[in-house]
Structure formats: structure tokens, C-alpha cells
Amino acid sequence: MVWTRFFYIFKVSKIPKMRPKLSIFTDFANTLFPHELEYLMAVQEFSKPLNLRILKQIFYNNTSSGKQRKPFDENIDKRTYSYLKKWITETLLKIDVDYFFDWLIETEKKILTDVIVPSDEAVILSNMNKMQPTNYNYIRFYELLQYYRDYLMVRNRTKYNKVVTDFLEVHHYQYLKLKNLNIELDNVTARIVKRIEFLPEEKESIENFLWEIFFDETLDGYTRYRAVVRLTIHYYNNREFDKQFVVYQHLDDFFKTPVFYSKRILSNYYANRTMMHSKLNELEEAEKYGYLSIQNKNSDYLFYLINLCGVLLKQEKNREALELMRNSIPELKNTNNNYYKIGFASFYILTFIANKQIEEAVYYASQYFTAYRKEIFEHRWHLYCTTYLFALINAEKYGRVISICKRYNLLLKEKQRVDRPDYLPIIENYYYLSEYMEGKIDRDKLVSSIVKSVKPMMNNNYRSRRMLNMIDKLGKFLYDEMKEVKRNLLK
């Protein structure tokens, strides 16, 4: 309920509309990802050329960036569209690792609660005949069979018991190998996520370990995908996006096969590519993947949306970004994730600023800070505070910038991040600008302070780009002074 104090709620009058013909099929076709369509194109064996023609049209519509989607031919018999929809759905479900995982969980529960029926057992045995150690859910399937064997043993079901036991014995070594690899991955994860500093030789060793797992095609998909996720976090934390790009080029090819397929995983991949291309300043690519990431809503939708809005703001597509944020407010109310909430609030403020709605930005930022200060400082204080202070600077409230920095020791807190790869002295420079505007320091002191703060960042492509971008933003308030700063930094 508290959220309603901070968001605009727009009521749209409900006007009955006639749905166009083929709207159900069109809506379905629009949800299909490019990688799904590449896989479907590769495996189709249609006897009717018309089916292939429609599939090619879906592929064209969903992969031709920036082009208007071509409507489907209404003169074609609707039964053809129904058949194609059913074929696409069933073909993708056969390789969907999340769909298979749901079956595993449901079947495991049936075994453990003694409600399994012969038809369930038939599916278990059928899947056992098809199961390979490279299957994404291989570990969980092996553990399901352990439960099933126990179920059979206590009932003296010797026929099925022998078949299941033989499978478990043949695959025992591979199962133990994968379990041990995942324990090692857990240990690496704890250090990567907590951003524990690695020694140079450790860093190289961990990267090699993760690389070897990801590229080892004898391992199960789940373990390999865990490795690539940790590589992604590691490269993101260290701002090594060029290395991430190399990994993702290989991952892109894998996504055109059944190895890692599910809509959830694909959405996550598109979101990670959005961030990567954005950091590499490849904004058209970032926008393309950003829209793909929010095409199908899941529990991470808000996180993906924030990434996309950041890209749109960089491209000065400001109205588009604000509209996306406003339309997503209902999603915001349904999450308890403070990391996502604070990220959303920060970018919502930025979209107000970008659209010259400065009063709204300051009001929203101030109210949110008052209500959620504790959560902000526990989760994403640097992102939120830089955004809040920038809103105040745009409103020429320089005294409040100084006051907030002093009251919450923001300059000291920022300095404590100096050894982190993502350290950027943004608050420090907002403080210098505000001091200058309030007449507390002169022009020479302003220029020398900013140059001293930013100079160490200029040896890194990502950091230097971010710092120069910040100086350009401040140049809107102090053109001559920031021009002098840039001259000193680039000489």
C-alpha cells in the first residue's frame, strides 16, 4: 500500500474492441524468441510447403529488427495455423529443461508420498532409456531413480528394480563427478558473489576452471550453465566485458540447440547481453536484447526492464523509457525484492530528469529516500544516492546535496569502495560542483579537485567512458569549467 504514495496510477477506460482475425496465433507467434525459431527451422520436416512458409514468416517477423511485422494471411485455413501452433508448442516442450524439471519434482513427490501409478512408472522408464549424462537435468534424474529404487525395493519389485539399479551403477561415477564439481562451483560462487579479492594467480585459475566446465561437452547442461553464469558475474564485477563477449559468442550457438533451452534461461541470457552491450557502448545491440529479455514476463522482469530503460536513456529515447517504467508499476507492487525495487526507483527518477520533469524527480526521490532509507543503505545505496543527488543538482538544490553528503558520510562511504572494480567517484564530484555553486570553493579548486578525482580512472576504457559521461552531464550546468576539466584530463 505504501507504494501508492510514490507512483502515478493511470486508469485506462475499458472500451470493447473487436479482436482481429488470427489474433490468437499472432499473439502466440510474437512470444517466440529468435533462438527458438532457429531451432525450429533446423528440426522441421514439414511435408506441406505452406507450414514452412508460415514458420519462415514468423522467423522474419521476430528477427528483423526495426521492421514492421508482416500480418499473417487470413485466407489460409485456420486449421493450418492451429496445427503449426500445436507443433511449435510440442517441439519446444520436448527440449524445455524447465518443463522436464517440473515433471521431475512432481514425480519425486509422488514416489515419496506413495501415490505413484503405473503410467508414471512407464514415463520414468521411458525417460531412463533416453537419459544421457549430458542432459541438463541429469543429476536430478539420477536422484529421482535413487528414490524410485528404494520404492521398488521395499515392495520387492525385482523386475524394475534390476533395470533401475543397473542404470544407477553404470552412471554412478559420472554422478559423483558432477556432484563434486557442483560443490566446487558453490565455493567459487560464494567468493565471486561476495566480491572477495582474488590473487592474480587465483583469478586466472578460477577463470580456467569455469571455462573448462562450460566447454566440456561430456558434462550435464545444468553444471555447464552454472559455470557460465558465474563467469558472467565474475566478468561483470571486474568490468571485463570483452572476455564476457567471447564466452557469449559460444553460448549463443548453444542456445540454438537443446542443450540449455527454456524461455527462462533465454530471457536471462538476453538480459545479460543487454548489460554487456550497454557496458561496451553497443547501444543498438543492447536495445535489441533488452526488448527480447522483457518479451515474456518472469520473476526477474523488473530487473530486465531496468536494464532496458538504462539503454533507452543512453540513446535519449526518454519518453519511451518513462512510458515503460510507468506501465510496469503493477509489476513493481508484486515484488518483495529490495534490490529490484531500489533499482526501479533509481531509474524512475532518471527518466523524470531525462524528460525535464525535475520537480517530480526531486519529490519522488525525497519521499522514497525518507520511506526506504534503511533498505537503500543495505542494498544499493551508491546507485540510489548518485541518482538522488543528481536530481537535486538539476533542481539547483546544491545546499541539500552538501547537507545529505555530510549527514550520511557519503564521501567516506564512496571512498571505501575505491578498491572495487566498479568504483566511480561520482558523489565526490557532485559534492565539488555543489560546493562551487554555493561559493564554498573557487573555480581553480573545483577544476583541480575533479581532475585529481577522475585522473586515476582514465586508464580503464569503461571507467574513463563513465567519467567523461559524468563530466559532460555536469557541463550542462558549468560548461566552461567542465571544458577545462576535460582539457586537463585528455592532454
Protein backbone atom coordinates (compact mmCIF):
# COMPACT_ATOMS: atom_id res chain seq x y z
CA MET A 1 0.00 0.00 0.00
CA VAL A 2 2.84 2.38 0.74
CA TRP A 3 3.89 2.27 -2.90
CA THR A 4 0.81 4.18 -3.98
CA ARG A 5 2.27 7.33 -2.40
CA PHE A 6 5.12 7.37 -4.88
CA PHE A 7 3.71 6.25 -8.22
CA TYR A 8 1.36 7.67 -10.78
CA ILE A 9 -1.54 5.32 -11.39
CA PHE A 10 -3.17 5.63 -14.74
CA LYS A 11 -6.69 4.36 -15.27
CA VAL A 12 -7.45 3.26 -18.78
CA SER A 13 -11.10 3.22 -19.72
CA LYS A 14 -12.22 -0.18 -20.91
CA ILE A 15 -13.58 0.15 -24.40
CA PRO A 16 -14.73 -3.09 -26.02
CA LYS A 17 -12.65 -3.88 -29.07
CA MET A 18 -13.12 -6.42 -31.79
CA ARG A 19 -10.15 -8.75 -31.86
CA PRO A 20 -8.70 -9.05 -35.37
CA LYS A 21 -8.70 -12.39 -37.13
CA LEU A 22 -5.75 -14.67 -36.29
CA SER A 23 -5.09 -12.58 -33.16
CA ILE A 24 -4.55 -15.69 -31.00
CA PHE A 25 -1.99 -17.12 -33.41
CA THR A 26 -0.34 -13.72 -33.90
CA ASP A 27 -0.02 -13.21 -30.14
CA PHE A 28 1.47 -16.69 -29.83
CA ALA A 29 3.91 -16.14 -32.70
CA ASN A 30 5.08 -12.84 -31.20
CA THR A 31 6.19 -14.61 -28.00
CA LEU A 32 8.72 -16.80 -29.83
CA PHE A 33 12.40 -15.94 -29.37
CA PRO A 34 14.88 -15.84 -32.28
CA HIS A 35 16.85 -18.79 -30.84
CA GLU A 36 13.67 -20.85 -30.53
CA LEU A 37 12.87 -20.13 -34.16
CA GLU A 38 16.36 -21.03 -35.34
CA TYR A 39 15.99 -24.38 -33.60
CA LEU A 40 12.53 -24.93 -35.07
CA MET A 41 13.79 -24.10 -38.56
CA ALA A 42 16.61 -26.63 -38.12
CA VAL A 43 14.41 -29.54 -36.98
CA GLN A 44 11.25 -29.03 -39.06
CA GLU A 45 10.42 -31.70 -41.63
CA PHE A 46 7.14 -30.37 -42.96
CA SER A 47 5.56 -32.22 -45.84
CA LYS A 48 3.39 -29.19 -46.63
CA PRO A 49 5.30 -26.17 -48.01
CA LEU A 50 2.63 -23.89 -46.52
CA ASN A 51 3.69 -24.79 -42.95
CA LEU A 52 7.29 -23.90 -43.70
CA ARG A 53 6.20 -20.67 -45.35
CA ILE A 54 4.34 -19.56 -42.21
CA LEU A 55 7.26 -20.60 -39.97
CA LYS A 56 9.62 -18.56 -42.13
CA GLN A 57 7.28 -15.57 -41.81
CA ILE A 58 7.36 -15.87 -38.01
CA PHE A 59 11.15 -16.08 -38.17
CA TYR A 60 11.31 -12.96 -40.34
CA ASN A 61 8.87 -11.02 -38.14
CA ASN A 62 10.69 -11.88 -34.91
CA THR A 63 14.27 -11.44 -36.10
CA SER A 64 14.06 -8.41 -38.42
CA SER A 65 14.92 -5.61 -36.01
CA GLY A 66 13.13 -2.32 -36.60
CA LYS A 67 10.88 -3.65 -39.35
CA GLN A 68 7.10 -3.78 -39.11
CA ARG A 69 5.75 -7.30 -38.62
CA LYS A 70 4.04 -8.70 -41.70
CA PRO A 71 0.44 -9.81 -40.93
CA PHE A 72 -0.45 -13.45 -41.47
CA ASP A 73 -2.55 -14.42 -44.46
CA GLU A 74 -6.20 -14.61 -43.37
CA ASN A 75 -7.12 -16.64 -46.45
CA ILE A 76 -5.19 -19.66 -45.17
CA ASP A 77 -7.33 -22.24 -43.41
CA LYS A 78 -7.27 -21.65 -39.63
CA ARG A 79 -6.61 -25.36 -39.11
CA THR A 80 -3.16 -24.83 -40.63
CA TYR A 81 -2.37 -22.18 -38.02
CA SER A 82 -3.76 -24.42 -35.25
CA TYR A 83 -1.58 -27.30 -36.41
CA LEU A 84 1.52 -25.12 -36.55
CA LYS A 85 0.89 -23.67 -33.10
CA LYS A 86 0.49 -27.18 -31.67
CA TRP A 87 3.64 -28.42 -33.45
CA ILE A 88 5.74 -25.48 -32.20
CA THR A 89 4.48 -25.89 -28.63
CA GLU A 90 5.10 -29.64 -28.53
CA THR A 91 8.50 -29.41 -30.24
CA LEU A 92 9.78 -26.84 -27.75
CA LEU A 93 8.32 -28.66 -24.74
CA LYS A 94 10.32 -31.76 -25.70
CA ILE A 95 13.58 -29.89 -25.11
CA ASP A 96 12.43 -27.47 -22.39
CA VAL A 97 14.65 -28.15 -19.36
CA ASP A 98 12.26 -26.34 -17.01
CA TYR A 99 9.31 -28.38 -18.22
CA PHE A 100 11.25 -31.59 -17.61
CA PHE A 101 12.33 -30.30 -14.19
CA ASP A 102 8.68 -29.72 -13.26
CA TRP A 103 7.96 -33.34 -14.19
CA LEU A 104 10.91 -34.47 -12.01
CA ILE A 105 9.65 -32.56 -8.98
CA GLU A 106 6.08 -33.78 -9.42
CA THR A 107 7.17 -37.41 -9.90
CA GLU A 108 9.59 -37.30 -6.97
CA LYS A 109 6.75 -36.12 -4.74
CA LYS A 110 4.54 -38.98 -5.96
CA ILE A 111 7.24 -41.53 -5.14
CA LEU A 112 7.93 -40.12 -1.69
CA THR A 113 4.22 -39.95 -0.84
CA ASP A 114 3.39 -43.38 -2.31
CA VAL A 115 0.87 -42.12 -4.87
CA ILE A 116 2.79 -43.13 -7.99
CA VAL A 117 0.73 -45.08 -10.56
CA PRO A 118 1.76 -47.43 -13.40
CA SER A 119 1.53 -44.70 -16.03
CA ASP A 120 4.02 -42.60 -14.01
CA GLU A 121 6.39 -45.57 -13.83
CA ALA A 122 6.15 -46.06 -17.58
CA VAL A 123 7.26 -42.44 -18.12
CA ILE A 124 10.17 -42.88 -15.67
CA LEU A 125 11.42 -45.96 -17.53
CA SER A 126 10.94 -44.29 -20.90
CA ASN A 127 12.97 -41.26 -19.80
CA MET A 128 15.62 -43.55 -18.35
CA ASN A 129 16.15 -45.13 -21.76
CA LYS A 130 16.66 -41.67 -23.30
CA MET A 131 18.71 -40.13 -20.49
CA GLN A 132 22.34 -39.22 -21.21
CA PRO A 133 24.98 -37.73 -18.84
CA THR A 134 24.90 -34.55 -20.96
CA ASN A 135 21.20 -33.93 -20.29
CA TYR A 136 20.56 -30.67 -18.44
CA ASN A 137 18.65 -32.37 -15.60
CA TYR A 138 20.85 -35.47 -15.42
CA ILE A 139 21.77 -35.03 -11.72
CA ARG A 140 18.18 -34.63 -10.56
CA PHE A 141 17.04 -37.54 -12.71
CA TYR A 142 19.71 -39.77 -11.18
CA GLU A 143 18.49 -38.78 -7.70
CA LEU A 144 14.89 -39.46 -8.74
CA LEU A 145 15.93 -43.00 -9.68
CA GLN A 146 17.56 -43.43 -6.28
CA TYR A 147 14.19 -42.68 -4.65
CA TYR A 148 12.42 -44.91 -7.15
CA ARG A 149 14.79 -47.82 -6.49
CA ASP A 150 14.08 -47.51 -2.77
CA TYR A 151 10.35 -47.52 -3.54
CA LEU A 152 10.76 -50.70 -5.62
CA MET A 153 12.98 -52.48 -3.14
CA VAL A 154 10.59 -52.26 -0.19
CA ARG A 155 7.84 -53.66 -2.42
CA ASN A 156 10.04 -56.45 -3.77
CA ARG A 157 9.51 -55.30 -7.37
CA THR A 158 12.56 -57.20 -8.67
CA LYS A 159 11.98 -56.72 -12.42
CA TYR A 160 12.03 -52.91 -12.45
CA ASN A 161 14.46 -52.83 -9.54
CA LYS A 162 17.18 -54.55 -11.59
CA VAL A 163 16.76 -52.17 -14.54
CA VAL A 164 16.95 -49.10 -12.31
CA THR A 165 19.86 -50.46 -10.26
CA ASP A 166 21.83 -51.22 -13.43
CA PHE A 167 21.37 -47.61 -14.59
CA LEU A 168 22.48 -46.23 -11.21
CA GLU A 169 25.56 -48.42 -11.14
CA VAL A 170 26.61 -47.61 -14.71
CA HIS A 171 26.24 -43.88 -14.10
CA HIS A 172 27.49 -43.78 -10.50
CA TYR A 173 30.96 -42.40 -11.28
CA GLN A 174 29.62 -39.64 -13.54
CA TYR A 175 27.03 -38.67 -10.94
CA LEU A 176 29.67 -38.36 -8.20
CA LYS A 177 31.92 -36.38 -10.53
CA LEU A 178 29.14 -33.88 -11.24
CA LYS A 179 28.16 -33.57 -7.58
CA ASN A 180 31.78 -32.80 -6.64
CA LEU A 181 32.07 -30.27 -9.46
CA ASN A 182 28.96 -28.52 -8.19
CA ILE A 183 30.39 -28.39 -4.66
CA GLU A 184 33.46 -26.67 -6.12
CA LEU A 185 31.16 -24.31 -8.02
CA ASP A 186 29.38 -23.47 -4.75
CA ASN A 187 32.69 -22.50 -3.16
CA VAL A 188 33.65 -20.34 -6.14
CA THR A 189 30.18 -18.75 -6.15
CA ALA A 190 30.47 -17.62 -2.54
CA ARG A 191 33.71 -15.79 -3.29
CA ILE A 192 32.55 -14.28 -6.58
CA VAL A 193 29.19 -13.02 -5.28
CA LYS A 194 30.73 -11.60 -2.10
CA ARG A 195 33.42 -9.98 -4.30
CA ILE A 196 36.23 -11.44 -2.20
CA GLU A 197 39.51 -10.26 -3.71
CA PHE A 198 41.40 -12.91 -5.70
CA LEU A 199 45.14 -13.05 -6.04
CA PRO A 200 46.19 -12.77 -9.73
CA GLU A 201 47.07 -16.47 -9.93
CA GLU A 202 43.79 -17.39 -8.19
CA LYS A 203 41.79 -15.26 -10.59
CA GLU A 204 43.33 -16.99 -13.60
CA SER A 205 42.84 -20.42 -12.02
CA ILE A 206 39.15 -19.76 -11.29
CA GLU A 207 38.51 -18.44 -14.79
CA ASN A 208 40.17 -21.52 -16.28
CA PHE A 209 38.13 -23.80 -14.00
CA LEU A 210 34.87 -22.18 -15.10
CA TRP A 211 35.90 -22.13 -18.76
CA GLU A 212 36.79 -25.84 -18.69
CA ILE A 213 33.40 -26.76 -17.21
CA PHE A 214 31.45 -24.61 -19.64
CA PHE A 215 33.21 -26.01 -22.72
CA ASP A 216 33.24 -29.65 -21.55
CA GLU A 217 30.53 -31.26 -23.68
CA THR A 218 30.69 -34.50 -21.66
CA LEU A 219 29.11 -32.75 -18.64
CA ASP A 220 25.43 -32.13 -17.94
CA GLY A 221 23.84 -28.89 -19.09
CA TYR A 222 22.97 -27.72 -15.57
CA THR A 223 26.59 -27.82 -14.38
CA ARG A 224 27.85 -26.16 -17.55
CA TYR A 225 25.26 -23.40 -17.33
CA ARG A 226 26.10 -22.78 -13.67
CA ALA A 227 29.71 -22.25 -14.78
CA VAL A 228 28.81 -19.70 -17.44
CA VAL A 229 26.57 -17.78 -15.02
CA ARG A 230 29.48 -17.48 -12.58
CA LEU A 231 31.79 -16.39 -15.40
CA THR A 232 29.23 -13.71 -16.26
CA ILE A 233 29.12 -12.40 -12.68
CA HIS A 234 32.92 -12.55 -12.40
CA TYR A 235 33.47 -10.60 -15.62
CA TYR A 236 30.74 -8.12 -14.73
CA ASN A 237 32.24 -7.48 -11.27
CA ASN A 238 35.66 -6.92 -12.83
CA ARG A 239 34.29 -4.96 -15.80
CA GLU A 240 35.93 -7.40 -18.24
CA PHE A 241 33.21 -7.23 -20.85
CA ASP A 242 35.49 -8.14 -23.76
CA LYS A 243 36.10 -11.55 -22.15
CA GLN A 244 32.39 -11.95 -21.48
CA PHE A 245 31.69 -11.26 -25.14
CA VAL A 246 33.92 -14.19 -26.20
CA VAL A 247 32.06 -16.57 -23.88
CA TYR A 248 28.69 -15.32 -25.10
CA GLN A 249 29.54 -15.87 -28.74
CA HIS A 250 29.91 -19.57 -27.95
CA LEU A 251 26.86 -19.58 -25.68
CA ASP A 252 24.79 -18.05 -28.48
CA ASP A 253 25.44 -21.10 -30.66
CA PHE A 254 24.49 -23.48 -27.83
CA PHE A 255 21.14 -21.74 -27.47
CA LYS A 256 20.21 -22.83 -30.98
CA THR A 257 20.35 -26.44 -29.73
CA PRO A 258 18.52 -28.34 -26.93
CA VAL A 259 21.47 -28.09 -24.50
CA PHE A 260 20.24 -25.21 -22.28
CA TYR A 261 16.79 -24.42 -23.62
CA SER A 262 13.97 -22.84 -21.65
CA LYS A 263 12.27 -19.47 -22.01
CA ARG A 264 13.50 -18.53 -18.53
CA ILE A 265 17.13 -19.22 -19.42
CA LEU A 266 16.83 -17.44 -22.76
CA SER A 267 15.33 -14.34 -21.10
CA ASN A 268 18.21 -14.31 -18.62
CA TYR A 269 20.72 -14.64 -21.46
CA TYR A 270 19.15 -11.74 -23.36
CA ALA A 271 19.22 -9.60 -20.19
CA ASN A 272 22.90 -10.37 -19.62
CA ARG A 273 23.67 -9.48 -23.22
CA THR A 274 21.77 -6.23 -22.72
CA MET A 275 24.09 -5.31 -19.85
CA MET A 276 27.20 -6.45 -21.69
CA HIS A 277 26.46 -4.50 -24.89
CA SER A 278 25.46 -1.47 -22.84
CA LYS A 279 28.77 -1.50 -20.97
CA LEU A 280 30.59 -1.89 -24.30
CA ASN A 281 28.56 1.11 -25.55
CA GLU A 282 26.97 -1.01 -28.29
CA LEU A 283 23.58 0.51 -27.71
CA GLU A 284 21.60 -0.79 -30.70
CA GLU A 285 22.54 -4.35 -29.78
CA ALA A 286 21.79 -3.64 -26.13
CA GLU A 287 18.31 -2.32 -27.01
CA LYS A 288 17.56 -5.34 -29.21
CA TYR A 289 18.42 -7.81 -26.45
CA GLY A 290 16.73 -5.63 -23.85
CA TYR A 291 13.36 -5.87 -25.58
CA LEU A 292 13.82 -9.62 -26.05
CA SER A 293 14.52 -10.02 -22.32
CA ILE A 294 11.14 -8.49 -21.33
CA GLN A 295 9.14 -10.21 -24.09
CA ASN A 296 7.98 -12.95 -21.69
CA LYS A 297 7.45 -11.89 -18.09
CA ASN A 298 9.05 -13.86 -15.27
CA SER A 299 10.23 -13.20 -11.70
CA ASP A 300 13.21 -11.17 -12.99
CA TYR A 301 11.11 -8.98 -15.30
CA LEU A 302 11.74 -5.77 -13.32
CA PHE A 303 15.50 -6.30 -13.35
CA TYR A 304 15.45 -6.80 -17.11
CA LEU A 305 13.20 -3.76 -17.56
CA ILE A 306 15.61 -1.55 -15.58
CA ASN A 307 18.49 -2.66 -17.83
CA LEU A 308 16.48 -1.80 -20.93
CA CYS A 309 15.44 1.61 -19.60
CA GLY A 310 19.09 2.39 -18.86
CA VAL A 311 19.90 1.67 -22.51
CA LEU A 312 16.99 3.78 -23.77
CA LEU A 313 18.14 6.72 -21.63
CA LYS A 314 21.65 6.44 -23.07
CA GLN A 315 20.06 6.68 -26.54
CA GLU A 316 17.94 9.65 -25.40
CA LYS A 317 14.75 7.68 -26.03
CA ASN A 318 13.43 9.34 -22.92
CA ARG A 319 9.66 9.21 -23.43
CA GLU A 320 9.88 5.56 -24.39
CA ALA A 321 11.78 4.81 -21.17
CA LEU A 322 9.31 6.71 -18.98
CA GLU A 323 6.35 5.00 -20.58
CA LEU A 324 7.90 1.59 -19.96
CA MET A 325 8.53 2.43 -16.32
CA ARG A 326 5.01 3.72 -15.75
CA ASN A 327 3.43 0.71 -17.40
CA SER A 328 5.45 -1.62 -15.18
CA ILE A 329 4.33 -0.16 -11.84
CA PRO A 330 1.83 -3.04 -11.29
CA GLU A 331 4.74 -5.48 -11.60
CA LEU A 332 6.67 -3.47 -9.02
CA LYS A 333 3.91 -3.84 -6.46
CA ASN A 334 4.11 -7.61 -6.76
CA THR A 335 7.78 -7.99 -5.80
CA ASN A 336 9.46 -8.11 -2.40
CA ASN A 337 12.96 -7.88 -3.89
CA ASN A 338 14.53 -4.71 -2.45
CA TYR A 339 17.40 -4.86 -4.93
CA TYR A 340 14.93 -4.63 -7.81
CA LYS A 341 12.77 -2.02 -6.06
CA ILE A 342 15.67 0.33 -5.41
CA GLY A 343 16.94 -0.14 -8.96
CA PHE A 344 13.49 0.65 -10.32
CA ALA A 345 13.18 3.75 -8.11
CA SER A 346 16.61 5.00 -9.24
CA PHE A 347 15.84 4.67 -12.93
CA TYR A 348 12.36 6.07 -12.48
CA ILE A 349 13.99 9.23 -11.09
CA LEU A 350 16.39 9.31 -14.04
CA THR A 351 13.53 9.03 -16.53
CA PHE A 352 11.83 12.01 -14.86
CA ILE A 353 15.06 14.01 -15.17
CA ALA A 354 15.57 12.98 -18.79
CA ASN A 355 12.02 14.14 -19.59
CA LYS A 356 12.63 17.52 -17.86
CA GLN A 357 10.19 16.68 -15.06
CA ILE A 358 12.60 17.87 -12.39
CA GLU A 359 10.06 18.66 -9.67
CA GLU A 360 8.57 15.17 -9.98
CA ALA A 361 12.07 13.65 -9.82
CA VAL A 362 13.01 15.50 -6.64
CA TYR A 363 9.68 14.85 -4.94
CA TYR A 364 9.72 11.16 -5.74
CA ALA A 365 13.41 10.77 -4.80
CA SER A 366 12.98 12.60 -1.48
CA GLN A 367 9.85 10.70 -0.48
CA TYR A 368 11.35 7.34 -1.40
CA PHE A 369 14.58 8.11 0.48
CA THR A 370 12.60 9.05 3.59
CA ALA A 371 10.48 5.90 3.46
CA TYR A 372 13.15 3.37 2.49
CA ARG A 373 16.44 4.78 3.76
CA LYS A 374 17.29 1.60 5.69
CA GLU A 375 16.72 -0.65 2.67
CA ILE A 376 18.67 1.72 0.41
CA PHE A 377 21.79 1.64 2.58
CA GLU A 378 21.51 -2.14 2.97
CA HIS A 379 21.28 -2.89 -0.74
CA ARG A 380 22.06 -0.26 -3.42
CA TRP A 381 22.97 2.95 -1.68
CA HIS A 382 25.51 4.16 -4.26
CA LEU A 383 23.15 3.81 -7.21
CA TYR A 384 20.28 5.46 -5.39
CA CYS A 385 22.28 8.28 -3.80
CA THR A 386 24.03 9.26 -7.04
CA THR A 387 20.59 9.42 -8.69
CA TYR A 388 19.02 11.36 -5.82
CA LEU A 389 21.87 13.89 -5.73
CA PHE A 390 21.73 14.32 -9.50
CA ALA A 391 18.03 15.14 -9.25
CA LEU A 392 18.83 17.79 -6.61
CA ILE A 393 21.58 19.26 -8.81
CA ASN A 394 19.12 19.53 -11.70
CA ALA A 395 16.76 21.36 -9.34
CA GLU A 396 19.64 23.67 -8.28
CA LYS A 397 19.30 22.49 -4.68
CA TYR A 398 23.06 22.46 -4.09
CA GLY A 399 22.81 23.10 -0.35
CA ARG A 400 20.77 19.92 0.07
CA VAL A 401 23.41 17.95 -1.85
CA ILE A 402 26.08 19.13 0.58
CA SER A 403 23.84 18.51 3.57
CA ILE A 404 22.94 14.94 2.54
CA CYS A 405 26.57 14.08 1.76
CA LYS A 406 27.68 15.27 5.20
CA ARG A 407 24.76 13.81 7.16
CA TYR A 408 25.22 10.29 5.75
CA ASN A 409 29.03 10.38 5.27
CA LEU A 410 28.58 9.64 1.57
CA LEU A 411 32.05 10.78 0.51
CA LEU A 412 33.69 8.47 3.03
CA LYS A 413 31.37 5.59 2.10
CA GLU A 414 32.23 6.10 -1.56
CA LYS A 415 35.99 6.17 -0.82
CA GLN A 416 35.63 2.83 0.94
CA ARG A 417 34.73 1.36 -2.46
CA VAL A 418 38.00 2.52 -4.05
CA ASP A 419 39.45 -0.99 -4.42
CA ARG A 420 36.35 -2.34 -6.15
CA PRO A 421 36.41 -2.72 -9.95
CA ASP A 422 33.13 -0.77 -10.19
CA TYR A 423 34.40 2.18 -8.12
CA LEU A 424 33.49 5.55 -9.64
CA PRO A 425 33.88 8.83 -7.65
CA ILE A 426 30.54 10.27 -8.77
CA ILE A 427 29.26 11.50 -5.41
CA GLU A 428 32.61 13.16 -4.72
CA ASN A 429 32.33 15.20 -7.89
CA TYR A 430 28.68 16.08 -7.32
CA TYR A 431 29.83 17.40 -3.95
CA TYR A 432 32.58 19.54 -5.52
CA LEU A 433 30.12 21.03 -8.03
CA SER A 434 27.66 21.83 -5.24
CA GLU A 435 30.38 23.44 -3.12
CA TYR A 436 31.35 25.61 -6.08
CA MET A 437 27.75 26.61 -6.77
CA GLU A 438 27.34 27.56 -3.10
CA GLY A 439 30.51 29.69 -3.24
CA LYS A 440 32.47 27.48 -0.85
CA ILE A 441 35.35 26.82 -3.31
CA ASP A 442 36.66 28.79 -6.30
CA ARG A 443 37.00 27.72 -9.92
CA ASP A 444 40.63 26.57 -9.64
CA LYS A 445 39.79 24.40 -6.65
CA LEU A 446 36.78 22.91 -8.47
CA VAL A 447 38.78 22.02 -11.59
CA SER A 448 41.80 20.64 -9.73
CA SER A 449 39.62 18.58 -7.38
CA ILE A 450 37.64 16.94 -10.18
CA VAL A 451 40.78 16.29 -12.24
CA LYS A 452 42.50 14.71 -9.24
CA SER A 453 39.46 12.55 -8.56
CA VAL A 454 38.94 11.39 -12.14
CA LYS A 455 42.53 11.04 -13.39
CA PRO A 456 43.10 7.53 -11.94
CA MET A 457 40.02 6.32 -13.80
CA MET A 458 41.35 7.24 -17.23
CA ASN A 459 43.50 4.12 -17.66
CA ASN A 460 40.41 1.90 -17.97
CA ASN A 461 38.15 2.14 -21.03
CA TYR A 462 34.92 1.51 -19.14
CA ARG A 463 35.71 3.82 -16.21
CA SER A 464 37.05 6.60 -18.41
CA ARG A 465 33.91 6.49 -20.55
CA ARG A 466 31.71 6.69 -17.45
CA MET A 467 33.71 9.58 -16.02
CA LEU A 468 33.71 11.56 -19.26
CA ASN A 469 29.97 10.98 -19.49
CA MET A 470 29.57 12.36 -15.95
CA ILE A 471 31.66 15.43 -16.87
CA ASP A 472 29.50 16.02 -19.95
CA LYS A 473 26.40 15.92 -17.72
CA LEU A 474 27.93 18.42 -15.32
CA GLY A 475 28.89 20.55 -18.31
CA LYS A 476 25.20 21.36 -18.75
CA PHE A 477 25.49 23.35 -15.52
CA LEU A 478 29.11 24.55 -15.79
CA TYR A 479 30.12 24.48 -19.44
CA ASP A 480 33.40 26.39 -19.28
CA GLU A 481 34.59 24.76 -16.06
CA MET A 482 33.91 21.21 -17.31
CA LYS A 483 35.54 22.01 -20.63
CA GLU A 484 38.68 22.94 -18.69
CA VAL A 485 38.43 19.71 -16.68
CA LYS A 486 38.28 17.65 -19.88
CA ARG A 487 41.20 19.52 -21.37
CA ASN A 488 43.32 18.73 -18.31
CA LEU A 489 42.29 15.06 -18.31
CA LEU A 490 42.89 14.43 -22.02
CA LYS A 491 46.10 16.34 -22.52
